[in-house]
Amino acid sequence: MTDLKRVVLDVLKPHRPSLVELSQRLSALKGVEGVNCSLDEVDQETETVKVTIEGNSISYEAVETTLREFGAVIHSVDEVAAGKRLIEDVRTLQDHRD
């Protein structure tokens, strides 16, 4: 099985613990080199957050477990990069159509 290099998640979490605490906890996971949590939407009891995780060997299971411990739920997996290196998206002619 190849290693995960990037995972982008749409996550619903309670207000507490904070984004800072969540980011720190995720960044401490083995194989994770960086975490970016961006607040997308807030309602009375929850926050919708875009979570981007990059590293050499991310364990999706460990990420899922950590989010669950924080009372968070993964709404969707929006991007996954796996293999020996990251491949960035390339715009093509089809992307430029109106």
N, C-alpha and C. Protein backbone atom coordinates (compact mmCIF):
# COMPACT_ATOMS: atom_id res chain seq x y z
N MET A 1 0.84 -1.17 0.00
CA MET A 1 0.00 0.00 0.00
C MET A 1 0.90 1.25 0.00
N THR A 2 0.52 2.27 -0.77
CA THR A 2 1.33 3.48 -0.84
C THR A 2 0.96 4.43 0.28
N ASP A 3 1.90 5.31 0.59
CA ASP A 3 1.72 6.27 1.67
C ASP A 3 0.88 7.45 1.24
N LEU A 4 0.04 7.93 2.16
CA LEU A 4 -0.73 9.14 1.91
C LEU A 4 0.16 10.35 2.17
N LYS A 5 0.14 11.30 1.25
CA LYS A 5 0.95 12.51 1.36
C LYS A 5 0.10 13.73 1.71
N ARG A 6 -1.16 13.75 1.26
CA ARG A 6 -2.06 14.87 1.56
C ARG A 6 -3.48 14.34 1.67
N VAL A 7 -4.19 14.86 2.67
CA VAL A 7 -5.60 14.54 2.84
C VAL A 7 -6.32 15.86 3.14
N VAL A 8 -7.38 16.13 2.38
CA VAL A 8 -8.19 17.33 2.61
C VAL A 8 -9.59 16.87 2.99
N LEU A 9 -10.04 17.32 4.15
CA LEU A 9 -11.32 16.86 4.70
C LEU A 9 -12.25 18.03 4.98
N ASP A 10 -13.53 17.79 4.80
CA ASP A 10 -14.58 18.72 5.23
C ASP A 10 -15.10 18.13 6.54
N VAL A 11 -14.91 18.87 7.64
CA VAL A 11 -15.18 18.34 8.98
C VAL A 11 -16.18 19.22 9.71
N LEU A 12 -17.09 18.59 10.43
CA LEU A 12 -18.02 19.28 11.32
C LEU A 12 -17.59 18.98 12.74
N LYS A 13 -17.34 20.05 13.54
CA LYS A 13 -16.86 19.87 14.91
C LYS A 13 -17.59 20.79 15.85
N PRO A 14 -17.65 20.44 17.14
CA PRO A 14 -18.20 21.37 18.12
C PRO A 14 -17.24 22.55 18.31
N HIS A 15 -17.72 23.64 18.91
CA HIS A 15 -16.87 24.83 19.12
C HIS A 15 -15.65 24.50 19.99
N ARG A 16 -15.83 23.63 20.95
CA ARG A 16 -14.73 23.22 21.82
C ARG A 16 -14.44 21.76 21.60
N PRO A 17 -13.21 21.34 21.53
CA PRO A 17 -11.96 22.06 21.59
C PRO A 17 -11.79 22.99 20.39
N SER A 18 -10.87 23.94 20.52
CA SER A 18 -10.66 24.97 19.51
C SER A 18 -9.93 24.43 18.28
N LEU A 19 -9.92 25.24 17.22
CA LEU A 19 -9.15 24.89 16.02
C LEU A 19 -7.66 24.76 16.33
N VAL A 20 -7.18 25.59 17.24
CA VAL A 20 -5.77 25.53 17.63
C VAL A 20 -5.46 24.17 18.24
N GLU A 21 -6.30 23.73 19.18
CA GLU A 21 -6.08 22.44 19.83
C GLU A 21 -6.18 21.29 18.82
N LEU A 22 -7.17 21.36 17.94
CA LEU A 22 -7.33 20.32 16.93
C LEU A 22 -6.11 20.26 16.01
N SER A 23 -5.65 21.42 15.55
CA SER A 23 -4.48 21.47 14.66
C SER A 23 -3.24 20.91 15.34
N GLN A 24 -3.04 21.29 16.59
CA GLN A 24 -1.87 20.79 17.32
C GLN A 24 -1.91 19.28 17.49
N ARG A 25 -3.08 18.77 17.81
CA ARG A 25 -3.22 17.32 18.02
C ARG A 25 -2.99 16.55 16.73
N LEU A 26 -3.57 17.04 15.62
CA LEU A 26 -3.38 16.37 14.34
C LEU A 26 -1.92 16.45 13.89
N SER A 27 -1.28 17.59 14.12
CA SER A 27 0.11 17.75 13.69
C SER A 27 1.08 16.87 14.48
N ALA A 28 0.66 16.40 15.64
CA ALA A 28 1.50 15.52 16.46
C ALA A 28 1.43 14.06 16.03
N LEU A 29 0.51 13.73 15.12
CA LEU A 29 0.39 12.35 14.67
C LEU A 29 1.62 11.93 13.87
N LYS A 30 2.00 10.68 14.02
CA LYS A 30 3.15 10.12 13.30
C LYS A 30 2.92 10.26 11.79
N GLY A 31 3.95 10.70 11.08
CA GLY A 31 3.87 10.83 9.63
C GLY A 31 3.31 12.14 9.13
N VAL A 32 2.82 12.99 10.04
CA VAL A 32 2.24 14.28 9.66
C VAL A 32 3.30 15.36 9.79
N GLU A 33 3.47 16.15 8.73
CA GLU A 33 4.44 17.24 8.74
C GLU A 33 3.78 18.60 8.89
N GLY A 34 2.52 18.73 8.49
CA GLY A 34 1.83 20.01 8.60
C GLY A 34 0.33 19.85 8.54
N VAL A 35 -0.36 20.78 9.21
CA VAL A 35 -1.82 20.78 9.26
C VAL A 35 -2.32 22.21 9.07
N ASN A 36 -3.36 22.35 8.28
CA ASN A 36 -4.01 23.64 8.11
C ASN A 36 -5.50 23.43 8.35
N CYS A 37 -6.05 24.15 9.32
CA CYS A 37 -7.48 24.09 9.60
C CYS A 37 -8.08 25.47 9.31
N SER A 38 -9.02 25.52 8.38
CA SER A 38 -9.64 26.78 7.99
C SER A 38 -11.13 26.74 8.33
N LEU A 39 -11.57 27.73 9.09
CA LEU A 39 -12.98 27.83 9.46
C LEU A 39 -13.79 28.25 8.25
N ASP A 40 -14.80 27.46 7.93
CA ASP A 40 -15.63 27.72 6.75
C ASP A 40 -16.98 28.29 7.14
N GLU A 41 -17.57 27.74 8.21
CA GLU A 41 -18.91 28.15 8.59
C GLU A 41 -19.11 27.90 10.08
N VAL A 42 -19.89 28.77 10.72
CA VAL A 42 -20.16 28.64 12.15
C VAL A 42 -21.66 28.71 12.36
N ASP A 43 -22.18 27.81 13.19
CA ASP A 43 -23.56 27.97 13.63
C ASP A 43 -23.57 27.93 15.16
N GLN A 44 -24.73 27.80 15.74
CA GLN A 44 -24.86 27.94 17.18
C GLN A 44 -24.05 26.92 17.97
N GLU A 45 -23.94 25.69 17.47
CA GLU A 45 -23.27 24.64 18.24
C GLU A 45 -22.05 24.03 17.55
N THR A 46 -21.89 24.26 16.25
CA THR A 46 -20.83 23.59 15.51
C THR A 46 -20.07 24.53 14.58
N GLU A 47 -18.96 24.02 14.07
CA GLU A 47 -18.14 24.72 13.08
C GLU A 47 -17.86 23.76 11.93
N THR A 48 -17.92 24.27 10.72
CA THR A 48 -17.50 23.50 9.55
C THR A 48 -16.08 23.96 9.23
N VAL A 49 -15.17 22.99 9.12
CA VAL A 49 -13.75 23.28 8.99
C VAL A 49 -13.16 22.49 7.83
N LYS A 50 -12.32 23.16 7.03
CA LYS A 50 -11.54 22.47 6.01
C LYS A 50 -10.22 22.10 6.67
N VAL A 51 -9.91 20.81 6.70
CA VAL A 51 -8.69 20.31 7.33
C VAL A 51 -7.78 19.75 6.23
N THR A 52 -6.60 20.35 6.09
CA THR A 52 -5.61 19.88 5.14
C THR A 52 -4.41 19.35 5.92
N ILE A 53 -4.06 18.10 5.64
CA ILE A 53 -2.95 17.45 6.34
C ILE A 53 -1.94 16.98 5.30
N GLU A 54 -0.67 17.31 5.53
CA GLU A 54 0.38 16.84 4.64
C GLU A 54 1.47 16.16 5.46
N GLY A 55 2.11 15.17 4.84
CA GLY A 55 3.18 14.46 5.51
C GLY A 55 3.74 13.38 4.62
N ASN A 56 4.68 12.63 5.16
CA ASN A 56 5.32 11.56 4.39
C ASN A 56 4.54 10.25 4.43
N SER A 57 3.81 10.05 5.52
CA SER A 57 3.11 8.78 5.69
C SER A 57 1.94 8.97 6.65
N ILE A 58 0.87 9.60 6.15
CA ILE A 58 -0.29 9.92 6.98
C ILE A 58 -1.13 8.66 7.17
N SER A 59 -1.52 8.40 8.40
CA SER A 59 -2.45 7.31 8.69
C SER A 59 -3.86 7.88 8.74
N TYR A 60 -4.66 7.54 7.73
CA TYR A 60 -6.04 8.04 7.69
C TYR A 60 -6.80 7.57 8.92
N GLU A 61 -6.54 6.36 9.36
CA GLU A 61 -7.21 5.81 10.52
C GLU A 61 -6.89 6.63 11.78
N ALA A 62 -5.64 7.04 11.94
CA ALA A 62 -5.25 7.85 13.10
C ALA A 62 -5.91 9.22 13.04
N VAL A 63 -6.03 9.78 11.83
CA VAL A 63 -6.70 11.08 11.67
C VAL A 63 -8.17 10.94 12.05
N GLU A 64 -8.82 9.90 11.54
CA GLU A 64 -10.24 9.64 11.86
C GLU A 64 -10.45 9.49 13.37
N THR A 65 -9.60 8.71 14.01
CA THR A 65 -9.71 8.48 15.45
C THR A 65 -9.54 9.78 16.22
N THR A 66 -8.55 10.58 15.84
CA THR A 66 -8.30 11.85 16.53
C THR A 66 -9.49 12.79 16.38
N LEU A 67 -10.03 12.88 15.18
CA LEU A 67 -11.20 13.74 14.97
C LEU A 67 -12.39 13.26 15.80
N ARG A 68 -12.59 11.96 15.84
CA ARG A 68 -13.69 11.40 16.63
C ARG A 68 -13.52 11.74 18.11
N GLU A 69 -12.27 11.68 18.61
CA GLU A 69 -11.99 12.02 20.01
C GLU A 69 -12.34 13.48 20.31
N PHE A 70 -12.27 14.33 19.29
CA PHE A 70 -12.62 15.74 19.44
C PHE A 70 -14.10 16.00 19.21
N GLY A 71 -14.87 14.94 18.99
CA GLY A 71 -16.31 15.08 18.75
C GLY A 71 -16.63 15.53 17.34
N ALA A 72 -15.67 15.39 16.44
CA ALA A 72 -15.84 15.84 15.06
C ALA A 72 -16.28 14.69 14.16
N VAL A 73 -16.90 15.07 13.03
CA VAL A 73 -17.37 14.11 12.04
C VAL A 73 -16.85 14.54 10.68
N ILE A 74 -16.34 13.59 9.91
CA ILE A 74 -15.89 13.87 8.55
C ILE A 74 -17.11 13.87 7.63
N HIS A 75 -17.39 15.04 7.03
CA HIS A 75 -18.48 15.13 6.06
C HIS A 75 -18.07 14.56 4.72
N SER A 76 -16.84 14.88 4.30
CA SER A 76 -16.37 14.37 3.02
C SER A 76 -14.85 14.39 2.97
N VAL A 77 -14.32 13.51 2.15
CA VAL A 77 -12.90 13.49 1.83
C VAL A 77 -12.80 14.21 0.48
N ASP A 78 -12.24 15.43 0.50
CA ASP A 78 -12.25 16.27 -0.69
C ASP A 78 -11.03 16.11 -1.59
N GLU A 79 -9.94 15.62 -1.03
CA GLU A 79 -8.74 15.39 -1.83
C GLU A 79 -7.84 14.41 -1.11
N VAL A 80 -7.19 13.55 -1.88
CA VAL A 80 -6.20 12.62 -1.34
C VAL A 80 -5.05 12.56 -2.33
N ALA A 81 -3.83 12.65 -1.82
CA ALA A 81 -2.64 12.45 -2.64
C ALA A 81 -1.84 11.32 -2.01
N ALA A 82 -1.46 10.36 -2.84
CA ALA A 82 -0.71 9.20 -2.36
C ALA A 82 0.42 8.90 -3.31
N GLY A 83 1.39 8.17 -2.84
CA GLY A 83 2.50 7.77 -3.69
C GLY A 83 3.82 8.26 -3.14
N LYS A 84 4.82 8.34 -4.01
CA LYS A 84 6.16 8.72 -3.58
C LYS A 84 6.33 10.22 -3.43
N ARG A 85 5.49 11.01 -4.15
CA ARG A 85 5.59 12.47 -4.04
C ARG A 85 4.24 13.10 -4.32
N LEU A 86 4.11 14.38 -3.94
CA LEU A 86 2.88 15.12 -4.20
C LEU A 86 2.81 15.54 -5.66
N ILE A 87 1.64 15.42 -6.23
CA ILE A 87 1.37 15.90 -7.58
C ILE A 87 0.35 17.01 -7.47
N GLU A 88 0.71 18.20 -7.92
CA GLU A 88 -0.21 19.33 -7.85
C GLU A 88 -1.14 19.30 -9.05
N ASP A 89 -2.36 19.80 -8.87
CA ASP A 89 -3.30 19.89 -9.98
C ASP A 89 -2.74 20.79 -11.06
N VAL A 90 -3.03 20.44 -12.31
CA VAL A 90 -2.61 21.23 -13.45
C VAL A 90 -3.86 21.68 -14.19
N ARG A 91 -3.93 22.97 -14.48
CA ARG A 91 -5.08 23.48 -15.24
C ARG A 91 -4.94 23.05 -16.70
N THR A 92 -6.04 22.63 -17.28
CA THR A 92 -6.06 22.22 -18.68
C THR A 92 -7.00 23.13 -19.46
N LEU A 93 -7.05 22.96 -20.77
CA LEU A 93 -7.94 23.77 -21.59
C LEU A 93 -9.40 23.61 -21.15
N GLN A 94 -9.77 22.43 -20.72
CA GLN A 94 -11.15 22.19 -20.28
C GLN A 94 -11.49 23.02 -19.03
N ASP A 95 -10.49 23.33 -18.20
CA ASP A 95 -10.72 24.12 -16.99
C ASP A 95 -11.00 25.57 -17.33
N HIS A 96 -10.65 26.04 -18.51
CA HIS A 96 -10.78 27.44 -18.88
C HIS A 96 -12.09 27.73 -19.60
N ARG A 97 -12.89 26.74 -19.83
CA ARG A 97 -14.18 26.95 -20.52
C ARG A 97 -15.14 27.68 -19.63
N ASP A 98 -15.95 28.53 -20.22
CA ASP A 98 -16.99 29.27 -19.46
C ASP A 98 -18.32 28.60 -19.54
